[in-house]
Amino acid sequence: MACVQITLLLGTPGVPLWQRNDDARIIHDDEALQRVRAYIVANPSRQRKRQSVPVPPW
């Protein structure tokens, strides 16, 4: 689904869907995935915050 369609569904046309300068990373391989998993396990307070984020309606 395109960003424009998502913002229309959310009732927020023209509002950016993605935040600038976020910490999003592309996981390219199993080694990178293991590093991300280890980071999450080592930071349980951040893990709890992520679990409390509401699921988007789409």
N, C-alpha and C. Protein backbone atom coordinates (compact mmCIF):
# COMPACT_ATOMS: atom_id res chain seq x y z
N MET A 1 0.85 -1.17 0.00
CA MET A 1 0.00 0.00 0.00
C MET A 1 0.90 1.24 0.00
N ALA A 2 0.56 2.19 -0.81
CA ALA A 2 1.36 3.40 -0.92
C ALA A 2 1.11 4.32 0.26
N CYS A 3 2.11 5.12 0.59
CA CYS A 3 2.00 6.06 1.72
C CYS A 3 0.80 6.99 1.57
N VAL A 4 0.53 7.42 0.34
CA VAL A 4 -0.60 8.32 0.11
C VAL A 4 -1.90 7.62 0.49
N GLN A 5 -2.04 6.36 0.10
CA GLN A 5 -3.26 5.62 0.44
C GLN A 5 -3.39 5.42 1.95
N ILE A 6 -2.28 5.15 2.61
CA ILE A 6 -2.31 4.95 4.06
C ILE A 6 -2.75 6.22 4.77
N THR A 7 -2.20 7.37 4.35
CA THR A 7 -2.59 8.62 5.01
C THR A 7 -4.06 8.94 4.75
N LEU A 8 -4.57 8.56 3.58
CA LEU A 8 -6.00 8.77 3.32
C LEU A 8 -6.85 7.89 4.23
N LEU A 9 -6.43 6.63 4.42
CA LEU A 9 -7.15 5.72 5.31
C LEU A 9 -7.15 6.24 6.75
N LEU A 10 -6.03 6.83 7.16
CA LEU A 10 -5.91 7.35 8.52
C LEU A 10 -6.59 8.70 8.69
N GLY A 11 -7.01 9.29 7.57
CA GLY A 11 -7.64 10.60 7.64
C GLY A 11 -6.65 11.72 7.85
N THR A 12 -5.40 11.50 7.43
CA THR A 12 -4.36 12.51 7.61
C THR A 12 -3.64 12.79 6.28
N PRO A 13 -4.38 13.15 5.23
CA PRO A 13 -3.71 13.40 3.94
C PRO A 13 -2.74 14.57 4.04
N GLY A 14 -1.60 14.41 3.40
CA GLY A 14 -0.60 15.47 3.40
C GLY A 14 0.34 15.45 4.59
N VAL A 15 0.04 14.63 5.59
CA VAL A 15 0.91 14.52 6.76
C VAL A 15 1.92 13.40 6.49
N PRO A 16 3.21 13.68 6.69
CA PRO A 16 4.22 12.64 6.43
C PRO A 16 3.95 11.38 7.25
N LEU A 17 4.10 10.24 6.60
CA LEU A 17 3.88 8.97 7.28
C LEU A 17 5.11 8.54 8.07
N TRP A 18 6.28 8.80 7.55
CA TRP A 18 7.53 8.38 8.19
C TRP A 18 8.18 9.56 8.89
N GLN A 19 8.81 9.29 10.01
CA GLN A 19 9.54 10.33 10.72
C GLN A 19 10.94 10.44 10.15
N ARG A 20 11.43 11.64 10.07
CA ARG A 20 12.81 11.85 9.62
C ARG A 20 13.78 11.47 10.74
N ASN A 21 14.95 11.04 10.36
CA ASN A 21 16.03 10.74 11.29
C ASN A 21 15.65 9.69 12.33
N ASP A 22 14.81 8.74 11.96
CA ASP A 22 14.50 7.68 12.92
C ASP A 22 15.63 6.65 12.90
N ASP A 23 15.51 5.66 13.74
CA ASP A 23 16.56 4.66 13.84
C ASP A 23 16.25 3.39 13.07
N ALA A 24 15.44 3.51 12.03
CA ALA A 24 15.08 2.34 11.23
C ALA A 24 16.33 1.79 10.54
N ARG A 25 16.42 0.50 10.53
CA ARG A 25 17.56 -0.17 9.89
C ARG A 25 17.04 -1.29 9.01
N ILE A 26 17.72 -1.55 7.93
CA ILE A 26 17.40 -2.69 7.07
C ILE A 26 18.27 -3.84 7.53
N ILE A 27 17.64 -4.97 7.77
CA ILE A 27 18.38 -6.16 8.20
C ILE A 27 18.67 -6.98 6.95
N HIS A 28 19.94 -7.05 6.59
CA HIS A 28 20.34 -7.67 5.33
C HIS A 28 20.62 -9.16 5.42
N ASP A 29 20.99 -9.64 6.59
CA ASP A 29 21.35 -11.05 6.69
C ASP A 29 21.13 -11.57 8.11
N ASP A 30 21.37 -12.86 8.31
CA ASP A 30 21.15 -13.47 9.62
C ASP A 30 22.06 -12.88 10.70
N GLU A 31 23.26 -12.53 10.33
CA GLU A 31 24.19 -11.95 11.31
C GLU A 31 23.65 -10.61 11.83
N ALA A 32 23.14 -9.79 10.94
CA ALA A 32 22.57 -8.51 11.34
C ALA A 32 21.33 -8.72 12.20
N LEU A 33 20.52 -9.72 11.86
CA LEU A 33 19.33 -10.03 12.65
C LEU A 33 19.72 -10.45 14.06
N GLN A 34 20.76 -11.25 14.20
CA GLN A 34 21.22 -11.68 15.52
C GLN A 34 21.70 -10.48 16.35
N ARG A 35 22.37 -9.52 15.72
CA ARG A 35 22.81 -8.32 16.44
C ARG A 35 21.63 -7.51 16.94
N VAL A 36 20.59 -7.37 16.11
CA VAL A 36 19.41 -6.63 16.52
C VAL A 36 18.71 -7.34 17.67
N ARG A 37 18.58 -8.64 17.57
CA ARG A 37 17.95 -9.41 18.65
C ARG A 37 18.72 -9.27 19.96
N ALA A 38 20.03 -9.34 19.88
CA ALA A 38 20.86 -9.20 21.08
C ALA A 38 20.69 -7.80 21.68
N TYR A 39 20.60 -6.80 20.84
CA TYR A 39 20.40 -5.43 21.31
C TYR A 39 19.06 -5.30 22.05
N ILE A 40 18.01 -5.88 21.50
CA ILE A 40 16.69 -5.80 22.13
C ILE A 40 16.69 -6.52 23.47
N VAL A 41 17.29 -7.70 23.52
CA VAL A 41 17.34 -8.46 24.77
C VAL A 41 18.13 -7.70 25.83
N ALA A 42 19.18 -7.01 25.41
CA ALA A 42 20.03 -6.27 26.34
C ALA A 42 19.38 -4.97 26.80
N ASN A 43 18.30 -4.55 26.16
CA ASN A 43 17.63 -3.30 26.49
C ASN A 43 16.14 -3.55 26.75
N PRO A 44 15.81 -4.21 27.85
CA PRO A 44 14.41 -4.58 28.10
C PRO A 44 13.47 -3.38 28.22
N SER A 45 13.95 -2.23 28.68
CA SER A 45 13.05 -1.08 28.78
C SER A 45 12.60 -0.64 27.40
N ARG A 46 13.48 -0.68 26.42
CA ARG A 46 13.09 -0.34 25.06
C ARG A 46 12.15 -1.39 24.48
N GLN A 47 12.37 -2.63 24.82
CA GLN A 47 11.52 -3.69 24.33
C GLN A 47 10.09 -3.51 24.84
N ARG A 48 9.90 -3.14 26.10
CA ARG A 48 8.57 -2.91 26.65
C ARG A 48 7.87 -1.77 25.92
N LYS A 49 8.60 -0.72 25.61
CA LYS A 49 8.00 0.42 24.90
C LYS A 49 7.49 -0.03 23.53
N ARG A 50 8.26 -0.83 22.84
CA ARG A 50 7.85 -1.26 21.51
C ARG A 50 6.62 -2.17 21.56
N GLN A 51 6.47 -2.95 22.62
CA GLN A 51 5.31 -3.83 22.72
C GLN A 51 4.04 -3.04 22.99
N SER A 52 4.16 -1.83 23.50
CA SER A 52 2.98 -1.06 23.84
C SER A 52 2.49 -0.17 22.69
N VAL A 53 3.18 -0.21 21.56
CA VAL A 53 2.78 0.61 20.41
C VAL A 53 1.54 -0.02 19.77
N PRO A 54 0.49 0.77 19.52
CA PRO A 54 -0.73 0.19 18.93
C PRO A 54 -0.48 -0.32 17.51
N VAL A 55 -1.23 -1.34 17.15
CA VAL A 55 -1.12 -1.93 15.82
C VAL A 55 -1.88 -1.04 14.85
N PRO A 56 -1.26 -0.69 13.69
CA PRO A 56 -1.97 0.14 12.71
C PRO A 56 -3.22 -0.57 12.19
N PRO A 57 -4.22 0.19 11.76
CA PRO A 57 -5.49 -0.42 11.33
C PRO A 57 -5.42 -1.17 10.01
N TRP A 58 -4.34 -1.08 9.30
CA TRP A 58 -4.26 -1.79 8.03
C TRP A 58 -3.53 -3.05 8.27
